[in-house]
Amino acid sequence: MVTALAPAIWGTTYLVTTELLPPDRPLLAAVVRALPAGLVLVVLTRRLPRGVWWWRTAVLGALNIGAFFALLFVAAYRLPGGVAATIGAVQPLLVAGLSAGLLGERLSPRTTIAAAAGVAGVSLLVLRADARLDGLGVAAAVGGAVVMAVGVVLSKRWPSPAPLLATTGWQLTAGGLLLLPVALLVEGPPPATLSVTNLAGYGYLAIIGSALAYALWFRGIRDLSATGVTFLGLLSPLVATSLGWLVLGQELTIAQALGGLVVLAALVATQTGNARGARPRPHLADRVATPVVISERGRAAHSTN
């Protein structure tokens, strides 16, 4: 339940982005989400990576934060939100497959069926009949799901020796530093003036959407199975759709309500079967132990991280 708070918080990004942030600056929002929060956590914990954790932090920060955010926003600008979110919903199946190969977690029929149901539920929740496909946008959405899936599995395979907040700060800083030159190149320097509303939105994304949410997310990866954690990401489009209905007055159809129920059923199925289905095989367990809903153009919201 604690880990589920992270994707639930990410589901609020759609509302914050559309209502509080300046338009057409998604990469700036990504940098502000990651870099300041990461630097603050590093300063507070007064802990830097050591040895192999310098390059591991760079890899994990790129996968979980930097590359993921960049691909997320490419998909946001080139695809209708429903298409991007539906493609992103394949991430649990990707994590389940990678976990079977790298972590020794058993890929059960229950997990496979639940993953397919999750994709179907999200498509009912957010996909529209008039959605159009774009080749580059689809590639970016698929790439975002892949890099995040790899990041989750490697985060589980490489348990950090540092405190949770320090590890979170390392990855946010590494991802933010990767994003910074991309944002400057694509969008130019930040706006000369920002309103109080803009600053409040950026503050929420940095403090709540990153520092808190990613700490909860990485805590879940540490304590739970990688597959069980990634299924919780399906809560993001569910929360985003619910807030659009409750706060923005958007229409909620019967099909969307059905999709939400399917998503919840998939979550329940995976979490209740997690204790049996996610146990690593002994010989692999020993080896392992040693070592932002995307909206339509101009509106981006984090639906999986």
C-alpha atoms as a PDB file:
ATOM      1  CA  MET A   1       0.000   0.000   0.000  1.00  0.00           C
ATOM      2  CA  VAL A   2       2.866   2.378   0.759  1.00  0.00           C
ATOM      3  CA  THR A   3       4.540   1.646  -2.577  1.00  0.00           C
ATOM      4  CA  ALA A   4       1.213   2.217  -4.351  1.00  0.00           C
ATOM      5  CA  LEU A   5       1.337   5.843  -3.192  1.00  0.00           C
ATOM      6  CA  ALA A   6       4.150   6.518  -5.692  1.00  0.00           C
ATOM      7  CA  PRO A   7       2.226   5.777  -8.924  1.00  0.00           C
ATOM      8  CA  ALA A   8      -0.869   7.353  -7.381  1.00  0.00           C
ATOM      9  CA  ILE A   9       1.136  10.564  -6.885  1.00  0.00           C
ATOM     10  CA  TRP A  10       2.446  10.337 -10.463  1.00  0.00           C
ATOM     11  CA  GLY A  11      -1.158  10.144 -11.616  1.00  0.00           C
ATOM     12  CA  THR A  12      -1.664  13.696 -10.326  1.00  0.00           C
ATOM     13  CA  THR A  13       0.977  15.011 -12.759  1.00  0.00           C
ATOM     14  CA  TYR A  14      -1.605  15.447 -15.534  1.00  0.00           C
ATOM     15  CA  LEU A  15      -3.654  17.813 -13.392  1.00  0.00           C
ATOM     16  CA  VAL A  16      -0.614  19.748 -12.163  1.00  0.00           C
ATOM     17  CA  THR A  17       0.840  20.057 -15.673  1.00  0.00           C
ATOM     18  CA  THR A  18      -2.309  21.323 -17.340  1.00  0.00           C
ATOM     19  CA  GLU A  19      -3.415  23.635 -14.530  1.00  0.00           C
ATOM     20  CA  LEU A  20      -0.224  24.997 -12.967  1.00  0.00           C
ATOM     21  CA  LEU A  21       2.727  24.820 -15.375  1.00  0.00           C
ATOM     22  CA  PRO A  22       3.604  27.024 -18.366  1.00  0.00           C
ATOM     23  CA  PRO A  23       2.626  25.418 -21.693  1.00  0.00           C
ATOM     24  CA  ASP A  24       4.945  23.632 -24.105  1.00  0.00           C
ATOM     25  CA  ARG A  25       7.885  23.174 -21.712  1.00  0.00           C
ATOM     26  CA  PRO A  26       7.732  19.434 -20.885  1.00  0.00           C
ATOM     27  CA  LEU A  27      11.493  18.859 -20.749  1.00  0.00           C
ATOM     28  CA  LEU A  28      11.908  21.810 -18.396  1.00  0.00           C
ATOM     29  CA  ALA A  29       9.312  20.187 -16.152  1.00  0.00           C
ATOM     30  CA  ALA A  30      11.251  16.907 -16.311  1.00  0.00           C
ATOM     31  CA  VAL A  31      14.521  18.603 -15.312  1.00  0.00           C
ATOM     32  CA  VAL A  32      12.863  20.507 -12.462  1.00  0.00           C
ATOM     33  CA  ARG A  33      11.258  17.281 -11.253  1.00  0.00           C
ATOM     34  CA  ALA A  34      14.546  15.419 -11.093  1.00  0.00           C
ATOM     35  CA  LEU A  35      17.619  17.596 -10.580  1.00  0.00           C
ATOM     36  CA  PRO A  36      16.714  19.910  -7.650  1.00  0.00           C
ATOM     37  CA  ALA A  37      15.106  17.071  -5.702  1.00  0.00           C
ATOM     38  CA  GLY A  38      18.127  14.852  -6.278  1.00  0.00           C
ATOM     39  CA  LEU A  39      20.626  17.501  -5.223  1.00  0.00           C
ATOM     40  CA  VAL A  40      18.663  18.303  -2.057  1.00  0.00           C
ATOM     41  CA  LEU A  41      18.570  14.622  -1.057  1.00  0.00           C
ATOM     42  CA  VAL A  42      22.301  14.245  -1.694  1.00  0.00           C
ATOM     43  CA  VAL A  43      23.026  17.296   0.483  1.00  0.00           C
ATOM     44  CA  LEU A  44      20.704  16.135   3.266  1.00  0.00           C
ATOM     45  CA  THR A  45      22.086  12.594   3.377  1.00  0.00           C
ATOM     46  CA  ARG A  46      25.729  13.708   2.862  1.00  0.00           C
ATOM     47  CA  ARG A  47      26.447  10.459   1.081  1.00  0.00           C
ATOM     48  CA  LEU A  48      28.077   9.963  -2.326  1.00  0.00           C
ATOM     49  CA  PRO A  49      28.391   6.762  -4.352  1.00  0.00           C
ATOM     50  CA  ARG A  50      31.499   4.661  -3.879  1.00  0.00           C
ATOM     51  CA  GLY A  51      33.299   2.264  -6.180  1.00  0.00           C
ATOM     52  CA  VAL A  52      31.049   0.530  -8.691  1.00  0.00           C
ATOM     53  CA  TRP A  53      28.100   2.610  -7.526  1.00  0.00           C
ATOM     54  CA  TRP A  54      29.299   5.596  -9.541  1.00  0.00           C
ATOM     55  CA  TRP A  55      28.630   3.841 -12.848  1.00  0.00           C
ATOM     56  CA  ARG A  56      25.661   1.870 -11.509  1.00  0.00           C
ATOM     57  CA  THR A  57      24.049   5.125 -10.397  1.00  0.00           C
ATOM     58  CA  ALA A  58      24.638   6.618 -13.844  1.00  0.00           C
ATOM     59  CA  VAL A  59      23.022   3.596 -15.513  1.00  0.00           C
ATOM     60  CA  LEU A  60      20.047   3.431 -13.148  1.00  0.00           C
ATOM     61  CA  GLY A  61      19.539   7.202 -13.204  1.00  0.00           C
ATOM     62  CA  ALA A  62      19.523   7.168 -17.001  1.00  0.00           C
ATOM     63  CA  LEU A  63      17.068   4.273 -17.196  1.00  0.00           C
ATOM     64  CA  ASN A  64      14.664   5.194 -14.384  1.00  0.00           C
ATOM     65  CA  ILE A  65      14.766   8.984 -14.805  1.00  0.00           C
ATOM     66  CA  GLY A  66      16.699  10.566 -17.683  1.00  0.00           C
ATOM     67  CA  ALA A  67      16.067   8.364 -20.712  1.00  0.00           C
ATOM     68  CA  PHE A  68      12.588   7.469 -19.481  1.00  0.00           C
ATOM     69  CA  PHE A  69      11.480  11.093 -19.106  1.00  0.00           C
ATOM     70  CA  ALA A  70      12.929  12.067 -22.493  1.00  0.00           C
ATOM     71  CA  LEU A  71      11.177   9.203 -24.304  1.00  0.00           C
ATOM     72  CA  LEU A  72       8.005   9.874 -22.342  1.00  0.00           C
ATOM     73  CA  PHE A  73       7.798  13.446 -23.588  1.00  0.00           C
ATOM     74  CA  VAL A  74       8.625  12.534 -27.194  1.00  0.00           C
ATOM     75  CA  ALA A  75       5.672  10.150 -27.051  1.00  0.00           C
ATOM     76  CA  ALA A  76       3.580  12.873 -25.388  1.00  0.00           C
ATOM     77  CA  TYR A  77       4.101  15.258 -28.289  1.00  0.00           C
ATOM     78  CA  ARG A  78       3.661  12.765 -31.114  1.00  0.00           C
ATOM     79  CA  LEU A  79       0.865  10.490 -29.863  1.00  0.00           C
ATOM     80  CA  PRO A  80      -2.598  10.937 -28.416  1.00  0.00           C
ATOM     81  CA  GLY A  81      -2.448  10.338 -24.682  1.00  0.00           C
ATOM     82  CA  GLY A  82      -4.487   7.142 -24.791  1.00  0.00           C
ATOM     83  CA  VAL A  83      -2.123   5.477 -27.254  1.00  0.00           C
ATOM     84  CA  ALA A  84       0.976   6.355 -25.221  1.00  0.00           C
ATOM     85  CA  ALA A  85      -0.572   5.185 -21.949  1.00  0.00           C
ATOM     86  CA  THR A  86      -1.766   1.918 -23.493  1.00  0.00           C
ATOM     87  CA  ILE A  87       1.694   1.162 -24.887  1.00  0.00           C
ATOM     88  CA  GLY A  88       3.230   2.018 -21.523  1.00  0.00           C
ATOM     89  CA  ALA A  89       0.912  -0.487 -19.851  1.00  0.00           C
ATOM     90  CA  VAL A  90       2.956  -3.350 -21.342  1.00  0.00           C
ATOM     91  CA  GLN A  91       5.708  -2.557 -18.838  1.00  0.00           C
ATOM     92  CA  PRO A  92       4.548  -5.124 -16.223  1.00  0.00           C
ATOM     93  CA  LEU A  93       4.811  -7.902 -18.804  1.00  0.00           C
ATOM     94  CA  LEU A  94       8.298  -6.708 -19.788  1.00  0.00           C
ATOM     95  CA  VAL A  95       9.394  -6.636 -16.145  1.00  0.00           C
ATOM     96  CA  ALA A  96       7.959 -10.106 -15.560  1.00  0.00           C
ATOM     97  CA  GLY A  97       9.918 -11.499 -18.509  1.00  0.00           C
ATOM     98  CA  LEU A  98      13.168  -9.764 -17.510  1.00  0.00           C
ATOM     99  CA  SER A  99      12.725 -10.838 -13.892  1.00  0.00           C
ATOM    100  CA  ALA A 100      12.380 -14.460 -14.964  1.00  0.00           C
ATOM    101  CA  GLY A 101      15.706 -14.270 -16.786  1.00  0.00           C
ATOM    102  CA  LEU A 102      17.741 -12.005 -14.472  1.00  0.00           C
ATOM    103  CA  LEU A 103      16.203 -12.476 -11.026  1.00  0.00           C
ATOM    104  CA  GLY A 104      14.829 -15.980 -11.173  1.00  0.00           C
ATOM    105  CA  GLU A 105      11.239 -14.924 -10.508  1.00  0.00           C
ATOM    106  CA  ARG A 106       8.733 -17.400 -11.841  1.00  0.00           C
ATOM    107  CA  LEU A 107       6.617 -16.144 -14.753  1.00  0.00           C
ATOM    108  CA  SER A 108       3.271 -17.647 -13.811  1.00  0.00           C
ATOM    109  CA  PRO A 109       0.136 -17.860 -15.973  1.00  0.00           C
ATOM    110  CA  ARG A 110      -1.579 -15.602 -13.411  1.00  0.00           C
ATOM    111  CA  THR A 111       1.009 -12.873 -14.021  1.00  0.00           C
ATOM    112  CA  THR A 112       0.758 -13.172 -17.808  1.00  0.00           C
ATOM    113  CA  ILE A 113      -3.031 -13.006 -17.789  1.00  0.00           C
ATOM    114  CA  ALA A 114      -3.025 -10.097 -15.334  1.00  0.00           C
ATOM    115  CA  ALA A 115      -0.541  -8.200 -17.525  1.00  0.00           C
ATOM    116  CA  ALA A 116      -2.761  -8.654 -20.581  1.00  0.00           C
ATOM    117  CA  ALA A 117      -5.780  -7.580 -18.538  1.00  0.00           C
ATOM    118  CA  GLY A 118      -3.883  -4.499 -17.371  1.00  0.00           C
ATOM    119  CA  VAL A 119      -3.204  -3.423 -20.963  1.00  0.00           C
ATOM    120  CA  ALA A 120      -6.860  -4.021 -21.862  1.00  0.00           C
ATOM    121  CA  GLY A 121      -8.061  -2.094 -18.818  1.00  0.00           C
ATOM    122  CA  VAL A 122      -5.831   0.906 -19.507  1.00  0.00           C
ATOM    123  CA  SER A 123      -6.900   0.948 -23.169  1.00  0.00           C
ATOM    124  CA  LEU A 124     -10.560   1.073 -22.108  1.00  0.00           C
ATOM    125  CA  LEU A 125      -9.712   3.764 -19.590  1.00  0.00           C
ATOM    126  CA  VAL A 126      -7.831   6.183 -21.855  1.00  0.00           C
ATOM    127  CA  LEU A 127      -7.833   5.060 -25.507  1.00  0.00           C
ATOM    128  CA  ARG A 128     -10.077   6.892 -27.981  1.00  0.00           C
ATOM    129  CA  ALA A 129     -11.510   5.500 -31.223  1.00  0.00           C
ATOM    130  CA  ASP A 130     -10.099   8.371 -33.307  1.00  0.00           C
ATOM    131  CA  ALA A 131      -6.538   7.948 -32.003  1.00  0.00           C
ATOM    132  CA  ARG A 132      -3.888   8.187 -34.726  1.00  0.00           C
ATOM    133  CA  LEU A 133      -0.485   6.471 -34.717  1.00  0.00           C
ATOM    134  CA  ASP A 134       2.890   8.036 -35.410  1.00  0.00           C
ATOM    135  CA  GLY A 135       5.901   5.798 -36.028  1.00  0.00           C
ATOM    136  CA  LEU A 136       8.404   7.839 -34.027  1.00  0.00           C
ATOM    137  CA  GLY A 137       5.910   8.370 -31.231  1.00  0.00           C
ATOM    138  CA  VAL A 138       5.156   4.654 -30.979  1.00  0.00           C
ATOM    139  CA  ALA A 139       8.893   3.876 -30.940  1.00  0.00           C
ATOM    140  CA  ALA A 140       9.400   6.412 -28.138  1.00  0.00           C
ATOM    141  CA  ALA A 141       6.520   4.983 -26.094  1.00  0.00           C
ATOM    142  CA  VAL A 142       7.833   1.435 -26.507  1.00  0.00           C
ATOM    143  CA  GLY A 143      11.353   2.619 -25.695  1.00  0.00           C
ATOM    144  CA  GLY A 144      10.113   4.342 -22.548  1.00  0.00           C
ATOM    145  CA  ALA A 145       8.417   1.155 -21.352  1.00  0.00           C
ATOM    146  CA  VAL A 146      11.555  -0.877 -22.091  1.00  0.00           C
ATOM    147  CA  VAL A 147      14.058   1.425 -20.336  1.00  0.00           C
ATOM    148  CA  MET A 148      11.839   1.727 -17.267  1.00  0.00           C
ATOM    149  CA  ALA A 149      11.377  -2.046 -17.144  1.00  0.00           C
ATOM    150  CA  VAL A 150      15.122  -2.613 -17.361  1.00  0.00           C
ATOM    151  CA  GLY A 151      15.664   0.054 -14.709  1.00  0.00           C
ATOM    152  CA  VAL A 152      13.263  -1.635 -12.284  1.00  0.00           C
ATOM    153  CA  VAL A 153      14.850  -5.056 -12.755  1.00  0.00           C
ATOM    154  CA  LEU A 154      18.423  -3.757 -12.445  1.00  0.00           C
ATOM    155  CA  SER A 155      17.434  -1.783  -9.332  1.00  0.00           C
ATOM    156  CA  LYS A 156      16.339  -5.089  -7.836  1.00  0.00           C
ATOM    157  CA  ARG A 157      19.422  -6.957  -9.053  1.00  0.00           C
ATOM    158  CA  TRP A 158      21.786  -4.264  -7.704  1.00  0.00           C
ATOM    159  CA  PRO A 159      20.629  -3.619  -4.115  1.00  0.00           C
ATOM    160  CA  SER A 160      22.192  -0.370  -2.963  1.00  0.00           C
ATOM    161  CA  PRO A 161      24.311  -0.414   0.220  1.00  0.00           C
ATOM    162  CA  ALA A 162      23.401   3.213   0.928  1.00  0.00           C
ATOM    163  CA  PRO A 163      20.331   4.541   2.785  1.00  0.00           C
ATOM    164  CA  LEU A 164      17.165   4.815   0.735  1.00  0.00           C
ATOM    165  CA  LEU A 165      17.116   8.632   0.500  1.00  0.00           C
ATOM    166  CA  ALA A 166      20.761   8.739  -0.584  1.00  0.00           C
ATOM    167  CA  THR A 167      20.143   6.184  -3.338  1.00  0.00           C
ATOM    168  CA  THR A 168      17.079   8.110  -4.484  1.00  0.00           C
ATOM    169  CA  GLY A 169      19.077  11.338  -4.564  1.00  0.00           C
ATOM    170  CA  TRP A 170      21.848   9.742  -6.628  1.00  0.00           C
ATOM    171  CA  GLN A 171      19.470   8.508  -9.295  1.00  0.00           C
ATOM    172  CA  LEU A 172      17.445  11.724  -9.496  1.00  0.00           C
ATOM    173  CA  THR A 173      20.643  13.759  -9.808  1.00  0.00           C
ATOM    174  CA  ALA A 174      22.109  11.484 -12.483  1.00  0.00           C
ATOM    175  CA  GLY A 175      18.875  11.513 -14.475  1.00  0.00           C
ATOM    176  CA  GLY A 176      18.478  15.273 -14.105  1.00  0.00           C
ATOM    177  CA  LEU A 177      22.028  15.927 -15.304  1.00  0.00           C
ATOM    178  CA  LEU A 178      21.338  13.775 -18.356  1.00  0.00           C
ATOM    179  CA  LEU A 179      18.140  15.697 -19.101  1.00  0.00           C
ATOM    180  CA  LEU A 180      19.534  19.200 -18.568  1.00  0.00           C
ATOM    181  CA  PRO A 181      21.493  19.585 -21.855  1.00  0.00           C
ATOM    182  CA  VAL A 182      18.653  17.945 -23.791  1.00  0.00           C
ATOM    183  CA  ALA A 183      16.152  20.441 -22.386  1.00  0.00           C
ATOM    184  CA  LEU A 184      18.402  23.408 -23.143  1.00  0.00           C
ATOM    185  CA  LEU A 185      19.020  22.186 -26.682  1.00  0.00           C
ATOM    186  CA  VAL A 186      15.371  21.439 -27.496  1.00  0.00           C
ATOM    187  CA  GLU A 187      13.509  24.114 -25.524  1.00  0.00           C
ATOM    188  CA  GLY A 188      16.133  26.759 -24.847  1.00  0.00           C
ATOM    189  CA  PRO A 189      16.642  28.544 -21.513  1.00  0.00           C
ATOM    190  CA  PRO A 190      13.853  28.636 -18.918  1.00  0.00           C
ATOM    191  CA  PRO A 191      11.221  31.399 -19.163  1.00  0.00           C
ATOM    192  CA  ALA A 192      12.408  34.784 -17.911  1.00  0.00           C
ATOM    193  CA  THR A 193       9.457  35.042 -15.538  1.00  0.00           C
ATOM    194  CA  LEU A 194       7.423  32.432 -13.719  1.00  0.00           C
ATOM    195  CA  SER A 195       4.194  33.050 -11.845  1.00  0.00           C
ATOM    196  CA  VAL A 196       3.527  31.944  -8.281  1.00  0.00           C
ATOM    197  CA  THR A 197       1.250  29.275  -9.732  1.00  0.00           C
ATOM    198  CA  ASN A 198       4.058  27.979 -11.960  1.00  0.00           C
ATOM    199  CA  LEU A 199       6.474  27.862  -9.022  1.00  0.00           C
ATOM    200  CA  ALA A 200       3.913  26.013  -6.916  1.00  0.00           C
ATOM    201  CA  GLY A 201       3.480  23.431  -9.673  1.00  0.00           C
ATOM    202  CA  TYR A 202       7.210  22.915 -10.090  1.00  0.00           C
ATOM    203  CA  GLY A 203       7.620  22.683  -6.326  1.00  0.00           C
ATOM    204  CA  TYR A 204       4.955  19.998  -6.124  1.00  0.00           C
ATOM    205  CA  LEU A 205       6.578  17.975  -8.897  1.00  0.00           C
ATOM    206  CA  ALA A 206      10.026  18.197  -7.301  1.00  0.00           C
ATOM    207  CA  ILE A 207       9.105  17.576  -3.662  1.00  0.00           C
ATOM    208  CA  ILE A 208       6.065  15.312  -3.876  1.00  0.00           C
ATOM    209  CA  GLY A 209       6.282  13.923  -7.409  1.00  0.00           C
ATOM    210  CA  SER A 210       9.994  13.077  -7.238  1.00  0.00           C
ATOM    211  CA  ALA A 211      11.698  13.204  -3.829  1.00  0.00           C
ATOM    212  CA  LEU A 212       8.809  11.518  -2.003  1.00  0.00           C
ATOM    213  CA  ALA A 213       7.347   9.376  -4.774  1.00  0.00           C
ATOM    214  CA  TYR A 214      10.657   7.948  -5.999  1.00  0.00           C
ATOM    215  CA  ALA A 215      11.790   7.206  -2.452  1.00  0.00           C
ATOM    216  CA  LEU A 216       8.587   5.194  -1.968  1.00  0.00           C
ATOM    217  CA  TRP A 217       9.059   3.533  -5.370  1.00  0.00           C
ATOM    218  CA  PHE A 218      12.661   2.489  -4.729  1.00  0.00           C
ATOM    219  CA  ARG A 219      11.686   1.291  -1.254  1.00  0.00           C
ATOM    220  CA  GLY A 220       9.070  -0.926  -2.877  1.00  0.00           C
ATOM    221  CA  ILE A 221      11.605  -2.302  -5.352  1.00  0.00           C
ATOM    222  CA  ARG A 222      13.907  -3.107  -2.434  1.00  0.00           C
ATOM    223  CA  ASP A 223      11.278  -4.903  -0.347  1.00  0.00           C
ATOM    224  CA  LEU A 224       8.897  -6.436  -2.922  1.00  0.00           C
ATOM    225  CA  SER A 225       9.235  -8.414  -6.124  1.00  0.00           C
ATOM    226  CA  ALA A 226      10.042  -6.387  -9.233  1.00  0.00           C
ATOM    227  CA  THR A 227       6.934  -7.723 -10.982  1.00  0.00           C
ATOM    228  CA  GLY A 228       4.649  -6.913  -8.071  1.00  0.00           C
ATOM    229  CA  VAL A 229       5.974  -3.355  -7.894  1.00  0.00           C
ATOM    230  CA  THR A 230       5.632  -2.587 -11.582  1.00  0.00           C
ATOM    231  CA  PHE A 231       1.978  -3.684 -11.695  1.00  0.00           C
ATOM    232  CA  LEU A 232       1.261  -0.894  -9.200  1.00  0.00           C
ATOM    233  CA  GLY A 233       2.238   1.561 -11.956  1.00  0.00           C
ATOM    234  CA  LEU A 234      -1.145   0.876 -13.553  1.00  0.00           C
ATOM    235  CA  LEU A 235      -2.616   3.097 -10.843  1.00  0.00           C
ATOM    236  CA  SER A 236      -1.227   6.212 -12.547  1.00  0.00           C
ATOM    237  CA  PRO A 237      -3.666   6.373 -15.506  1.00  0.00           C
ATOM    238  CA  LEU A 238      -6.466   5.343 -13.143  1.00  0.00           C
ATOM    239  CA  VAL A 239      -5.748   8.258 -10.790  1.00  0.00           C
ATOM    240  CA  ALA A 240      -5.248  10.689 -13.686  1.00  0.00           C
ATOM    241  CA  THR A 241      -8.592   9.747 -15.238  1.00  0.00           C
ATOM    242  CA  SER A 242     -10.373   9.970 -11.875  1.00  0.00           C
ATOM    243  CA  LEU A 243      -8.960  13.447 -11.192  1.00  0.00           C
ATOM    244  CA  GLY A 244      -9.923  14.593 -14.680  1.00  0.00           C
ATOM    245  CA  TRP A 245     -13.482  13.572 -13.892  1.00  0.00           C
ATOM    246  CA  LEU A 246     -13.616  14.894 -10.312  1.00  0.00           C
ATOM    247  CA  VAL A 247     -11.639  18.134 -10.664  1.00  0.00           C
ATOM    248  CA  LEU A 248     -11.736  19.105 -14.338  1.00  0.00           C
ATOM    249  CA  GLY A 249     -15.270  17.946 -15.051  1.00  0.00           C
ATOM    250  CA  GLN A 250     -14.223  15.574 -17.840  1.00  0.00           C
ATOM    251  CA  GLU A 251     -16.702  12.952 -18.995  1.00  0.00           C
ATOM    252  CA  LEU A 252     -16.406   9.451 -17.545  1.00  0.00           C
ATOM    253  CA  THR A 253     -17.961   6.815 -19.777  1.00  0.00           C
ATOM    254  CA  ILE A 254     -19.168   3.327 -18.941  1.00  0.00           C
ATOM    255  CA  ALA A 255     -16.236   1.885 -20.910  1.00  0.00           C
ATOM    256  CA  GLN A 256     -13.776   3.914 -18.827  1.00  0.00           C
ATOM    257  CA  ALA A 257     -15.416   2.756 -15.610  1.00  0.00           C
ATOM    258  CA  LEU A 258     -15.147  -0.838 -16.830  1.00  0.00           C
ATOM    259  CA  GLY A 259     -11.504  -0.281 -17.716  1.00  0.00           C
ATOM    260  CA  GLY A 260     -10.820   1.010 -14.216  1.00  0.00           C
ATOM    261  CA  LEU A 261     -12.385  -2.107 -12.704  1.00  0.00           C
ATOM    262  CA  VAL A 262     -10.266  -4.334 -14.964  1.00  0.00           C
ATOM    263  CA  VAL A 263      -7.113  -2.485 -13.887  1.00  0.00           C
ATOM    264  CA  LEU A 264      -8.010  -2.920 -10.211  1.00  0.00           C
ATOM    265  CA  ALA A 265      -8.723  -6.619 -10.782  1.00  0.00           C
ATOM    266  CA  ALA A 266      -5.304  -7.066 -12.410  1.00  0.00           C
ATOM    267  CA  LEU A 267      -3.643  -5.341  -9.461  1.00  0.00           C
ATOM    268  CA  VAL A 268      -5.445  -7.497  -6.924  1.00  0.00           C
ATOM    269  CA  ALA A 269      -4.617 -10.677  -8.845  1.00  0.00           C
ATOM    270  CA  THR A 270      -0.896  -9.932  -8.958  1.00  0.00           C
ATOM    271  CA  GLN A 271      -0.547  -8.706  -5.391  1.00  0.00           C
ATOM    272  CA  THR A 272      -2.460 -11.616  -3.837  1.00  0.00           C
ATOM    273  CA  GLY A 273      -0.472 -14.120  -5.909  1.00  0.00           C
ATOM    274  CA  ASN A 274       2.827 -12.350  -5.342  1.00  0.00           C
ATOM    275  CA  ALA A 275       3.978 -14.362  -2.362  1.00  0.00           C
ATOM    276  CA  ARG A 276       3.778 -17.637  -4.282  1.00  0.00           C
ATOM    277  CA  GLY A 277       4.472 -16.570  -7.843  1.00  0.00           C
ATOM    278  CA  ALA A 278       7.416 -14.251  -7.314  1.00  0.00           C
ATOM    279  CA  ARG A 279       9.718 -16.462  -5.238  1.00  0.00           C
ATOM    280  CA  PRO A 280      13.161 -16.633  -6.861  1.00  0.00           C
ATOM    281  CA  ARG A 281      14.680 -19.987  -7.640  1.00  0.00           C
ATOM    282  CA  PRO A 282      17.337 -20.776  -4.986  1.00  0.00           C
ATOM    283  CA  HIS A 283      20.399 -20.933  -7.221  1.00  0.00           C
ATOM    284  CA  LEU A 284      19.614 -17.543  -8.778  1.00  0.00           C
ATOM    285  CA  ALA A 285      18.641 -15.959  -5.476  1.00  0.00           C
ATOM    286  CA  ASP A 286      22.085 -16.696  -4.069  1.00  0.00           C
ATOM    287  CA  ARG A 287      23.708 -15.159  -7.131  1.00  0.00           C
ATOM    288  CA  VAL A 288      21.597 -12.004  -6.934  1.00  0.00           C
ATOM    289  CA  ALA A 289      22.268 -11.562  -3.222  1.00  0.00           C
ATOM    290  CA  THR A 290      25.989 -11.219  -3.767  1.00  0.00           C
ATOM    291  CA  PRO A 291      26.486  -8.646  -6.042  1.00  0.00           C
ATOM    292  CA  VAL A 292       5.171  11.671 -15.297  1.00  0.00           C
ATOM    293  CA  VAL A 293      -1.083   9.479 -18.427  1.00  0.00           C
ATOM    294  CA  ILE A 294       0.367  11.121 -21.479  1.00  0.00           C
ATOM    295  CA  SER A 295      -2.008  13.724 -22.711  1.00  0.00           C
ATOM    296  CA  GLU A 296      -2.379  15.112 -26.189  1.00  0.00           C
ATOM    297  CA  ARG A 297       0.176  17.540 -27.679  1.00  0.00           C
ATOM    298  CA  GLY A 298       1.028  20.366 -25.338  1.00  0.00           C
ATOM    299  CA  ARG A 299      -0.158  18.496 -22.243  1.00  0.00           C
ATOM    300  CA  ALA A 300       2.020  15.858 -20.610  1.00  0.00           C
ATOM    301  CA  ALA A 301       1.412  13.819 -17.498  1.00  0.00           C
ATOM    302  CA  HIS A 302       3.532  11.072 -16.053  1.00  0.00           C
ATOM    303  CA  SER A 303       1.634   7.800 -16.220  1.00  0.00           C
ATOM    304  CA  THR A 304       4.252   5.210 -15.142  1.00  0.00           C
ATOM    305  CA  ASN A 305       6.971   7.071 -13.717  1.00  0.00           C
END
